[in-house]
């Protein structure tokens, strides 16, 4: 495995313990220098490119909040014209992915452009003030849902699969090797690929600076955010990790201030109800029971 991490240097100003930056380092290990990065507006953009500095050692472009998928498609079209095989990787948060840019992302999927799209899922608009997004789970308190969100978390994996995307995967910041392997597979896939990575936000989740990886691991062990991989629309057997012991949801929610006053029934109710997610939970060894 490529252990090169210097595609992202230590010059960023993200929060101490940031789950997103941990996930990004794992993504960068999968990329060689013949890669162009496109970044939506968001935490990753503002913390790594404070003018006049940049923490990136790869060609990097800042798009608008909503149009990173369209920008990535445009770059890929130019590369095709020049007969170049340079890889294009788009990075965005859940606000840009689930909400503001979902139409652009749908267009990318429909066109079949050979681009990897990575969503760092913090389950809120972390950069603009911790507002609720389409990814915010039920019961989570944000600045726009001070009593706790009521909506069901949008199932972006199901949306990608419905578009016929041939490589769709999910991971969390607690599993760096899993992330790196999945990004490498995505780069080899035909057409667009979609990966989302749960990336705990210290201020948004109201956790301690040393707890982001623990939270990301518990999300998997409780079955709320399983490690998943779909190839050609089929769930890969590697998605079911038999080393995990079933873990109660309370262990996950009690460590997060955003869930103060929320019970596990509300959290379970937030899990996407599509056939995709139902099948996942049925096959997982993790449990939702209290």
C-alpha atoms as a PDB file:
ATOM      1  CA  UNK A   1       0.000   0.000   0.000  1.00  0.00           C
ATOM      2  CA  UNK A   2       1.251   3.483  -0.846  1.00  0.00           C
ATOM      3  CA  UNK A   3       2.062   5.180   2.474  1.00  0.00           C
ATOM      4  CA  UNK A   4       2.886   8.515   0.857  1.00  0.00           C
ATOM      5  CA  UNK A   5       0.986  11.192   2.777  1.00  0.00           C
ATOM      6  CA  UNK A   6       2.664  14.318   1.460  1.00  0.00           C
ATOM      7  CA  UNK A   7      -0.176  15.065  -0.959  1.00  0.00           C
ATOM      8  CA  UNK A   8      -1.574  16.998   2.013  1.00  0.00           C
ATOM      9  CA  UNK A   9       0.972  18.782   4.176  1.00  0.00           C
ATOM     10  CA  UNK A  10       0.694  19.817   7.856  1.00  0.00           C
ATOM     11  CA  UNK A  11       0.025  23.448   6.932  1.00  0.00           C
ATOM     12  CA  UNK A  12      -3.758  23.365   7.389  1.00  0.00           C
ATOM     13  CA  UNK A  13      -5.689  25.035  10.231  1.00  0.00           C
ATOM     14  CA  UNK A  14      -8.430  22.481  10.882  1.00  0.00           C
ATOM     15  CA  UNK A  15      -9.663  21.894  14.420  1.00  0.00           C
ATOM     16  CA  UNK A  16      -7.478  19.689  16.596  1.00  0.00           C
ATOM     17  CA  UNK A  17      -8.742  16.136  16.250  1.00  0.00           C
ATOM     18  CA  UNK A  18     -10.744  16.879  13.079  1.00  0.00           C
ATOM     19  CA  UNK A  19     -12.227  13.644  11.752  1.00  0.00           C
ATOM     20  CA  UNK A  20     -12.377  14.998   8.220  1.00  0.00           C
ATOM     21  CA  UNK A  21      -8.653  15.689   7.995  1.00  0.00           C
ATOM     22  CA  UNK A  22      -7.931  12.171   9.258  1.00  0.00           C
ATOM     23  CA  UNK A  23     -10.125  10.814   6.473  1.00  0.00           C
ATOM     24  CA  UNK A  24      -8.498  13.065   3.882  1.00  0.00           C
ATOM     25  CA  UNK A  25      -5.029  11.770   4.757  1.00  0.00           C
ATOM     26  CA  UNK A  26      -6.280   8.243   4.088  1.00  0.00           C
ATOM     27  CA  UNK A  27      -7.688   9.336   0.722  1.00  0.00           C
ATOM     28  CA  UNK A  28      -4.425  11.032  -0.223  1.00  0.00           C
ATOM     29  CA  UNK A  29      -2.493   7.784   0.288  1.00  0.00           C
ATOM     30  CA  UNK A  30      -4.381   6.343  -2.669  1.00  0.00           C
ATOM     31  CA  UNK A  31      -3.515   9.172  -5.081  1.00  0.00           C
ATOM     32  CA  UNK A  32      -0.440   9.662  -7.209  1.00  0.00           C
ATOM     33  CA  UNK A  33       0.794  12.949  -8.617  1.00  0.00           C
ATOM     34  CA  UNK A  34      -1.143  12.535 -11.862  1.00  0.00           C
ATOM     35  CA  UNK A  35      -4.329  13.641 -10.120  1.00  0.00           C
ATOM     36  CA  UNK A  36      -6.384  16.840 -10.162  1.00  0.00           C
ATOM     37  CA  UNK A  37      -8.478  17.681  -7.096  1.00  0.00           C
ATOM     38  CA  UNK A  38     -11.692  19.713  -7.172  1.00  0.00           C
ATOM     39  CA  UNK A  39     -12.989  20.998  -3.847  1.00  0.00           C
ATOM     40  CA  UNK A  40     -16.420  22.396  -3.031  1.00  0.00           C
ATOM     41  CA  UNK A  41     -16.699  25.272  -0.602  1.00  0.00           C
ATOM     42  CA  UNK A  42     -16.579  23.878   2.914  1.00  0.00           C
ATOM     43  CA  UNK A  43     -14.375  23.131   5.902  1.00  0.00           C
ATOM     44  CA  UNK A  44     -11.806  21.243   3.859  1.00  0.00           C
ATOM     45  CA  UNK A  45     -11.443  24.123   1.430  1.00  0.00           C
ATOM     46  CA  UNK A  46     -11.141  26.924   3.985  1.00  0.00           C
ATOM     47  CA  UNK A  47      -8.828  25.076   6.386  1.00  0.00           C
ATOM     48  CA  UNK A  48      -6.322  23.993   3.746  1.00  0.00           C
ATOM     49  CA  UNK A  49      -6.067  27.073   1.531  1.00  0.00           C
ATOM     50  CA  UNK A  50      -5.912  30.161   3.731  1.00  0.00           C
ATOM     51  CA  UNK A  51      -4.444  32.771   1.360  1.00  0.00           C
ATOM     52  CA  UNK A  52      -1.607  32.850   0.428  1.00  0.00           C
ATOM     53  CA  UNK A  53      -0.829  29.367   1.752  1.00  0.00           C
ATOM     54  CA  UNK A  54      -1.962  25.936   0.570  1.00  0.00           C
ATOM     55  CA  UNK A  55      -1.591  22.554   2.237  1.00  0.00           C
ATOM     56  CA  UNK A  56      -2.018  20.694  -1.069  1.00  0.00           C
ATOM     57  CA  UNK A  57       0.802  19.113  -3.056  1.00  0.00           C
ATOM     58  CA  UNK A  58      -1.491  18.125  -5.913  1.00  0.00           C
ATOM     59  CA  UNK A  59      -3.167  20.334  -8.544  1.00  0.00           C
ATOM     60  CA  UNK A  60      -6.189  21.662  -6.658  1.00  0.00           C
ATOM     61  CA  UNK A  61      -9.167  23.788  -7.685  1.00  0.00           C
ATOM     62  CA  UNK A  62     -11.870  25.444  -5.597  1.00  0.00           C
ATOM     63  CA  UNK A  63     -15.333  25.274  -7.141  1.00  0.00           C
ATOM     64  CA  UNK A  64     -18.503  26.947  -5.925  1.00  0.00           C
ATOM     65  CA  UNK A  65     -20.418  25.336  -3.069  1.00  0.00           C
ATOM     66  CA  UNK A  66     -22.769  23.555  -5.450  1.00  0.00           C
ATOM     67  CA  UNK A  67     -20.984  22.847  -8.726  1.00  0.00           C
ATOM     68  CA  UNK A  68     -17.915  20.708  -7.983  1.00  0.00           C
ATOM     69  CA  UNK A  69     -19.436  17.796  -9.941  1.00  0.00           C
ATOM     70  CA  UNK A  70     -19.887  19.994 -13.023  1.00  0.00           C
ATOM     71  CA  UNK A  71     -16.379  21.426 -12.675  1.00  0.00           C
ATOM     72  CA  UNK A  72     -14.944  17.917 -12.366  1.00  0.00           C
ATOM     73  CA  UNK A  73     -16.820  16.875 -15.505  1.00  0.00           C
ATOM     74  CA  UNK A  74     -15.434  19.874 -17.366  1.00  0.00           C
ATOM     75  CA  UNK A  75     -11.875  19.071 -16.352  1.00  0.00           C
ATOM     76  CA  UNK A  76     -12.332  15.457 -17.427  1.00  0.00           C
ATOM     77  CA  UNK A  77     -13.708  16.578 -20.800  1.00  0.00           C
ATOM     78  CA  UNK A  78     -10.645  18.759 -21.368  1.00  0.00           C
ATOM     79  CA  UNK A  79      -8.358  15.868 -20.430  1.00  0.00           C
ATOM     80  CA  UNK A  80     -10.158  13.565 -22.877  1.00  0.00           C
ATOM     81  CA  UNK A  81      -9.685  16.142 -25.620  1.00  0.00           C
ATOM     82  CA  UNK A  82      -5.962  16.175 -24.875  1.00  0.00           C
ATOM     83  CA  UNK A  83      -5.917  12.347 -24.644  1.00  0.00           C
ATOM     84  CA  UNK A  84      -4.601  12.468 -21.085  1.00  0.00           C
ATOM     85  CA  UNK A  85      -5.366   9.837 -18.425  1.00  0.00           C
ATOM     86  CA  UNK A  86      -5.001  12.198 -15.464  1.00  0.00           C
ATOM     87  CA  UNK A  87      -7.365  11.257 -12.634  1.00  0.00           C
ATOM     88  CA  UNK A  88     -10.010  13.685 -11.358  1.00  0.00           C
ATOM     89  CA  UNK A  89     -11.136  13.453  -7.732  1.00  0.00           C
ATOM     90  CA  UNK A  90     -13.893  15.671  -6.340  1.00  0.00           C
ATOM     91  CA  UNK A  91     -14.065  16.390  -2.604  1.00  0.00           C
ATOM     92  CA  UNK A  92     -17.143  17.846  -0.930  1.00  0.00           C
ATOM     93  CA  UNK A  93     -19.015  17.924   2.342  1.00  0.00           C
ATOM     94  CA  UNK A  94     -22.507  16.601   2.981  1.00  0.00           C
ATOM     95  CA  UNK A  95     -24.120  20.018   2.532  1.00  0.00           C
ATOM     96  CA  UNK A  96     -22.695  20.339  -0.970  1.00  0.00           C
ATOM     97  CA  UNK A  97     -23.469  16.692  -1.750  1.00  0.00           C
ATOM     98  CA  UNK A  98     -26.843  15.958  -0.165  1.00  0.00           C
ATOM     99  CA  UNK A  99     -28.415  19.376  -0.720  1.00  0.00           C
ATOM    100  CA  UNK A 100     -26.912  22.268  -2.646  1.00  0.00           C
ATOM    101  CA  UNK A 101     -25.104  20.257  -5.323  1.00  0.00           C
ATOM    102  CA  UNK A 102     -27.275  17.150  -5.642  1.00  0.00           C
ATOM    103  CA  UNK A 103     -28.547  18.179  -9.082  1.00  0.00           C
ATOM    104  CA  UNK A 104     -25.003  18.661 -10.387  1.00  0.00           C
ATOM    105  CA  UNK A 105     -24.006  15.302  -8.884  1.00  0.00           C
ATOM    106  CA  UNK A 106     -26.969  13.608 -10.561  1.00  0.00           C
ATOM    107  CA  UNK A 107     -25.807  15.068 -13.865  1.00  0.00           C
ATOM    108  CA  UNK A 108     -22.308  13.690 -13.318  1.00  0.00           C
ATOM    109  CA  UNK A 109     -23.734  10.236 -12.653  1.00  0.00           C
ATOM    110  CA  UNK A 110     -26.005  10.388 -15.711  1.00  0.00           C
ATOM    111  CA  UNK A 111     -23.186  11.446 -18.039  1.00  0.00           C
ATOM    112  CA  UNK A 112     -21.002   8.594 -16.839  1.00  0.00           C
ATOM    113  CA  UNK A 113     -17.911  10.767 -16.510  1.00  0.00           C
ATOM    114  CA  UNK A 114     -14.833   8.932 -15.247  1.00  0.00           C
ATOM    115  CA  UNK A 115     -14.544  10.911 -12.013  1.00  0.00           C
ATOM    116  CA  UNK A 116     -14.320   9.892  -8.340  1.00  0.00           C
ATOM    117  CA  UNK A 117     -16.632  11.864  -6.043  1.00  0.00           C
ATOM    118  CA  UNK A 118     -15.865  11.759  -2.306  1.00  0.00           C
ATOM    119  CA  UNK A 119     -18.290  13.115   0.288  1.00  0.00           C
ATOM    120  CA  UNK A 120     -16.861  13.808   3.742  1.00  0.00           C
ATOM    121  CA  UNK A 121     -20.015  13.361   5.789  1.00  0.00           C
ATOM    122  CA  UNK A 122     -20.016  15.502   8.949  1.00  0.00           C
ATOM    123  CA  UNK A 123     -23.817  15.315   9.140  1.00  0.00           C
ATOM    124  CA  UNK A 124     -24.204  19.116   9.143  1.00  0.00           C
ATOM    125  CA  UNK A 125     -22.995  22.311   7.451  1.00  0.00           C
ATOM    126  CA  UNK A 126     -19.914  22.385   9.654  1.00  0.00           C
ATOM    127  CA  UNK A 127     -18.181  25.295   7.920  1.00  0.00           C
ATOM    128  CA  UNK A 128     -21.055  27.785   7.929  1.00  0.00           C
ATOM    129  CA  UNK A 129     -22.243  27.369  11.504  1.00  0.00           C
ATOM    130  CA  UNK A 130     -23.386  23.769  12.143  1.00  0.00           C
ATOM    131  CA  UNK A 131     -26.734  24.080  10.348  1.00  0.00           C
ATOM    132  CA  UNK A 132     -28.723  20.908   9.597  1.00  0.00           C
ATOM    133  CA  UNK A 133     -28.182  19.234   6.214  1.00  0.00           C
ATOM    134  CA  UNK A 134     -29.920  16.393   4.412  1.00  0.00           C
ATOM    135  CA  UNK A 135     -27.443  14.130   6.170  1.00  0.00           C
ATOM    136  CA  UNK A 136     -28.256  15.233   9.728  1.00  0.00           C
ATOM    137  CA  UNK A 137     -29.707  12.286  11.699  1.00  0.00           C
ATOM    138  CA  UNK A 138     -32.966  12.567  13.622  1.00  0.00           C
ATOM    139  CA  UNK A 139     -32.505  13.926  17.114  1.00  0.00           C
ATOM    140  CA  UNK A 140     -29.238  15.730  16.376  1.00  0.00           C
ATOM    141  CA  UNK A 141     -29.160  19.311  17.610  1.00  0.00           C
ATOM    142  CA  UNK A 142     -27.801  21.916  15.209  1.00  0.00           C
ATOM    143  CA  UNK A 143     -28.093  25.691  15.070  1.00  0.00           C
ATOM    144  CA  UNK A 144     -31.176  25.319  12.860  1.00  0.00           C
ATOM    145  CA  UNK A 145     -32.617  22.359  14.791  1.00  0.00           C
ATOM    146  CA  UNK A 146     -32.000  23.371  18.423  1.00  0.00           C
ATOM    147  CA  UNK A 147     -34.589  20.858  19.667  1.00  0.00           C
ATOM    148  CA  UNK A 148     -33.213  18.065  17.489  1.00  0.00           C
ATOM    149  CA  UNK A 149     -33.682  17.264  13.808  1.00  0.00           C
ATOM    150  CA  UNK A 150     -36.899  15.516  12.771  1.00  0.00           C
ATOM    151  CA  UNK A 151     -36.000  14.464   9.230  1.00  0.00           C
ATOM    152  CA  UNK A 152     -34.721  11.086   8.034  1.00  0.00           C
ATOM    153  CA  UNK A 153     -31.120  11.093   6.812  1.00  0.00           C
ATOM    154  CA  UNK A 154     -31.039  11.021   3.012  1.00  0.00           C
ATOM    155  CA  UNK A 155     -29.739   7.760   1.529  1.00  0.00           C
ATOM    156  CA  UNK A 156     -27.065   8.938  -0.891  1.00  0.00           C
ATOM    157  CA  UNK A 157     -25.769   5.417  -1.511  1.00  0.00           C
ATOM    158  CA  UNK A 158     -29.199   4.388  -2.793  1.00  0.00           C
ATOM    159  CA  UNK A 159     -29.338   7.506  -4.971  1.00  0.00           C
ATOM    160  CA  UNK A 160     -25.940   6.708  -6.504  1.00  0.00           C
ATOM    161  CA  UNK A 161     -26.947   3.089  -7.097  1.00  0.00           C
ATOM    162  CA  UNK A 162     -30.222   4.198  -8.696  1.00  0.00           C
ATOM    163  CA  UNK A 163     -28.132   6.134 -11.233  1.00  0.00           C
ATOM    164  CA  UNK A 164     -26.268   2.951 -12.137  1.00  0.00           C
ATOM    165  CA  UNK A 165     -22.961   4.041 -10.594  1.00  0.00           C
ATOM    166  CA  UNK A 166     -20.723   0.979 -10.762  1.00  0.00           C
ATOM    167  CA  UNK A 167     -18.635   1.646  -7.669  1.00  0.00           C
ATOM    168  CA  UNK A 168     -20.329   2.947  -4.520  1.00  0.00           C
ATOM    169  CA  UNK A 169     -18.761   2.699  -1.071  1.00  0.00           C
ATOM    170  CA  UNK A 170     -19.009   3.944   2.492  1.00  0.00           C
ATOM    171  CA  UNK A 171     -16.435   4.149   5.261  1.00  0.00           C
ATOM    172  CA  UNK A 172     -15.554   6.201   8.333  1.00  0.00           C
ATOM    173  CA  UNK A 173     -12.498   8.100   9.508  1.00  0.00           C
ATOM    174  CA  UNK A 174     -11.746   5.295  11.990  1.00  0.00           C
ATOM    175  CA  UNK A 175     -10.720   2.877   9.238  1.00  0.00           C
ATOM    176  CA  UNK A 176      -7.851   4.445   7.251  1.00  0.00           C
ATOM    177  CA  UNK A 177      -6.807   1.338   5.332  1.00  0.00           C
ATOM    178  CA  UNK A 178     -10.420   0.679   4.344  1.00  0.00           C
ATOM    179  CA  UNK A 179     -10.650   4.215   2.949  1.00  0.00           C
ATOM    180  CA  UNK A 180      -7.396   3.935   1.000  1.00  0.00           C
ATOM    181  CA  UNK A 181      -8.325   0.584  -0.541  1.00  0.00           C
ATOM    182  CA  UNK A 182     -11.776   1.829  -1.556  1.00  0.00           C
ATOM    183  CA  UNK A 183     -10.397   4.966  -3.192  1.00  0.00           C
ATOM    184  CA  UNK A 184      -7.964   2.844  -5.200  1.00  0.00           C
ATOM    185  CA  UNK A 185     -10.829   0.628  -6.347  1.00  0.00           C
ATOM    186  CA  UNK A 186     -12.890   3.688  -7.238  1.00  0.00           C
ATOM    187  CA  UNK A 187     -10.068   4.985  -9.419  1.00  0.00           C
ATOM    188  CA  UNK A 188     -10.072   1.700 -11.347  1.00  0.00           C
ATOM    189  CA  UNK A 189     -13.851   1.587 -11.806  1.00  0.00           C
ATOM    190  CA  UNK A 190     -15.484   2.355 -15.139  1.00  0.00           C
ATOM    191  CA  UNK A 191     -17.328   5.665 -15.137  1.00  0.00           C
ATOM    192  CA  UNK A 192     -18.113   7.708 -12.028  1.00  0.00           C
ATOM    193  CA  UNK A 193     -17.555   6.371  -8.518  1.00  0.00           C
ATOM    194  CA  UNK A 194     -19.088   7.593  -5.264  1.00  0.00           C
ATOM    195  CA  UNK A 195     -17.577   7.231  -1.792  1.00  0.00           C
ATOM    196  CA  UNK A 196     -18.847   8.788   1.412  1.00  0.00           C
ATOM    197  CA  UNK A 197     -16.855   8.855   4.624  1.00  0.00           C
ATOM    198  CA  UNK A 198     -18.304   9.639   8.041  1.00  0.00           C
ATOM    199  CA  UNK A 199     -16.075  12.407   9.398  1.00  0.00           C
ATOM    200  CA  UNK A 200     -16.893  13.437  12.982  1.00  0.00           C
ATOM    201  CA  UNK A 201     -16.854  17.199  13.555  1.00  0.00           C
ATOM    202  CA  UNK A 202     -15.510  18.231  16.976  1.00  0.00           C
ATOM    203  CA  UNK A 203     -17.652  21.383  17.489  1.00  0.00           C
ATOM    204  CA  UNK A 204     -20.637  20.068  15.537  1.00  0.00           C
ATOM    205  CA  UNK A 205     -20.882  16.764  17.367  1.00  0.00           C
ATOM    206  CA  UNK A 206     -19.833  18.333  20.672  1.00  0.00           C
ATOM    207  CA  UNK A 207     -17.187  15.728  21.374  1.00  0.00           C
ATOM    208  CA  UNK A 208     -13.701  15.988  22.855  1.00  0.00           C
ATOM    209  CA  UNK A 209     -10.769  16.605  20.532  1.00  0.00           C
ATOM    210  CA  UNK A 210      -9.478  13.075  21.110  1.00  0.00           C
ATOM    211  CA  UNK A 211     -12.824  11.362  20.437  1.00  0.00           C
ATOM    212  CA  UNK A 212     -13.422  11.736  16.695  1.00  0.00           C
ATOM    213  CA  UNK A 213     -11.939   8.358  15.797  1.00  0.00           C
ATOM    214  CA  UNK A 214     -13.767   6.654  18.665  1.00  0.00           C
ATOM    215  CA  UNK A 215     -17.057   8.140  17.451  1.00  0.00           C
ATOM    216  CA  UNK A 216     -16.358   7.056  13.869  1.00  0.00           C
ATOM    217  CA  UNK A 217     -15.606   3.521  15.050  1.00  0.00           C
ATOM    218  CA  UNK A 218     -18.733   3.281  17.211  1.00  0.00           C
ATOM    219  CA  UNK A 219     -20.851   4.432  14.267  1.00  0.00           C
ATOM    220  CA  UNK A 220     -19.792   1.244  12.498  1.00  0.00           C
ATOM    221  CA  UNK A 221     -20.003  -1.056  15.499  1.00  0.00           C
ATOM    222  CA  UNK A 222     -23.568  -0.001  16.301  1.00  0.00           C
ATOM    223  CA  UNK A 223     -24.656  -0.664  12.729  1.00  0.00           C
ATOM    224  CA  UNK A 224     -25.635   2.964  12.166  1.00  0.00           C
ATOM    225  CA  UNK A 225     -22.891   3.560   9.578  1.00  0.00           C
ATOM    226  CA  UNK A 226     -21.573   0.197   8.333  1.00  0.00           C
ATOM    227  CA  UNK A 227     -18.546  -0.194   6.088  1.00  0.00           C
ATOM    228  CA  UNK A 228     -20.030  -0.850   2.649  1.00  0.00           C
ATOM    229  CA  UNK A 229     -18.940  -1.523  -0.896  1.00  0.00           C
ATOM    230  CA  UNK A 230     -21.089  -2.006  -4.003  1.00  0.00           C
ATOM    231  CA  UNK A 231     -19.520  -3.165  -7.251  1.00  0.00           C
ATOM    232  CA  UNK A 232     -21.746  -3.204 -10.329  1.00  0.00           C
ATOM    233  CA  UNK A 233     -24.756  -2.764  -8.076  1.00  0.00           C
ATOM    234  CA  UNK A 234     -24.007  -5.765  -5.875  1.00  0.00           C
ATOM    235  CA  UNK A 235     -23.068  -5.622  -2.204  1.00  0.00           C
ATOM    236  CA  UNK A 236     -19.540  -6.921  -1.776  1.00  0.00           C
ATOM    237  CA  UNK A 237     -18.928  -9.669   0.766  1.00  0.00           C
ATOM    238  CA  UNK A 238     -16.081  -7.565   2.141  1.00  0.00           C
ATOM    239  CA  UNK A 239     -18.692  -5.153   3.488  1.00  0.00           C
ATOM    240  CA  UNK A 240     -19.544  -7.493   6.358  1.00  0.00           C
ATOM    241  CA  UNK A 241     -16.699  -7.386   8.873  1.00  0.00           C
ATOM    242  CA  UNK A 242     -17.056 -10.363  11.189  1.00  0.00           C
ATOM    243  CA  UNK A 243     -14.501  -9.032  13.651  1.00  0.00           C
ATOM    244  CA  UNK A 244     -16.946  -6.510  15.118  1.00  0.00           C
ATOM    245  CA  UNK A 245     -18.856  -7.174  18.310  1.00  0.00           C
ATOM    246  CA  UNK A 246     -22.431  -5.825  18.447  1.00  0.00           C
ATOM    247  CA  UNK A 247     -22.460  -2.501  20.288  1.00  0.00           C
ATOM    248  CA  UNK A 248     -25.381  -0.646  21.830  1.00  0.00           C
ATOM    249  CA  UNK A 249     -26.415   2.641  20.277  1.00  0.00           C
ATOM    250  CA  UNK A 250     -26.253   4.339  23.685  1.00  0.00           C
ATOM    251  CA  UNK A 251     -22.449   4.110  23.625  1.00  0.00           C
ATOM    252  CA  UNK A 252     -22.457   6.155  20.437  1.00  0.00           C
ATOM    253  CA  UNK A 253     -25.025   8.823  21.284  1.00  0.00           C
ATOM    254  CA  UNK A 254     -24.054   9.408  24.916  1.00  0.00           C
ATOM    255  CA  UNK A 255     -20.572  10.624  23.994  1.00  0.00           C
ATOM    256  CA  UNK A 256     -21.993  13.318  21.685  1.00  0.00           C
ATOM    257  CA  UNK A 257     -23.437  16.547  23.025  1.00  0.00           C
ATOM    258  CA  UNK A 258     -25.521  16.981  19.870  1.00  0.00           C
ATOM    259  CA  UNK A 259     -27.699  14.078  21.035  1.00  0.00           C
ATOM    260  CA  UNK A 260     -28.364  15.338  24.565  1.00  0.00           C
ATOM    261  CA  UNK A 261     -31.944  14.430  25.421  1.00  0.00           C
ATOM    262  CA  UNK A 262     -32.269  12.115  22.408  1.00  0.00           C
ATOM    263  CA  UNK A 263     -33.090   8.428  22.810  1.00  0.00           C
ATOM    264  CA  UNK A 264     -31.939   5.530  20.662  1.00  0.00           C
ATOM    265  CA  UNK A 265     -35.402   5.075  19.127  1.00  0.00           C
ATOM    266  CA  UNK A 266     -35.092   8.490  17.454  1.00  0.00           C
ATOM    267  CA  UNK A 267     -31.642   7.623  16.113  1.00  0.00           C
ATOM    268  CA  UNK A 268     -32.862   4.325  14.654  1.00  0.00           C
ATOM    269  CA  UNK A 269     -35.778   6.152  13.058  1.00  0.00           C
ATOM    270  CA  UNK A 270     -33.270   8.366  11.230  1.00  0.00           C
ATOM    271  CA  UNK A 271     -31.628   5.462   9.411  1.00  0.00           C
ATOM    272  CA  UNK A 272     -32.501   5.447   5.688  1.00  0.00           C
ATOM    273  CA  UNK A 273     -35.385   3.100   4.926  1.00  0.00           C
ATOM    274  CA  UNK A 274     -34.533   2.206   1.336  1.00  0.00           C
ATOM    275  CA  UNK A 275     -34.178  -1.469   0.320  1.00  0.00           C
ATOM    276  CA  UNK A 276     -30.446  -0.824   0.044  1.00  0.00           C
ATOM    277  CA  UNK A 277     -30.033   0.125   3.691  1.00  0.00           C
ATOM    278  CA  UNK A 278     -32.525  -2.471   4.904  1.00  0.00           C
ATOM    279  CA  UNK A 279     -30.498  -5.207   3.238  1.00  0.00           C
ATOM    280  CA  UNK A 280     -27.323  -3.810   4.748  1.00  0.00           C
ATOM    281  CA  UNK A 281     -28.671  -3.862   8.278  1.00  0.00           C
ATOM    282  CA  UNK A 282     -30.082  -7.347   7.841  1.00  0.00           C
ATOM    283  CA  UNK A 283     -26.708  -8.741   6.771  1.00  0.00           C
ATOM    284  CA  UNK A 284     -24.644  -6.828   9.316  1.00  0.00           C
ATOM    285  CA  UNK A 285     -23.557  -8.483  12.538  1.00  0.00           C
ATOM    286  CA  UNK A 286     -24.017  -5.157  14.267  1.00  0.00           C
ATOM    287  CA  UNK A 287     -27.208  -4.569  16.214  1.00  0.00           C
ATOM    288  CA  UNK A 288     -29.713  -1.788  16.747  1.00  0.00           C
ATOM    289  CA  UNK A 289     -31.061  -3.302  19.964  1.00  0.00           C
ATOM    290  CA  UNK A 290     -30.677  -1.643  23.335  1.00  0.00           C
END
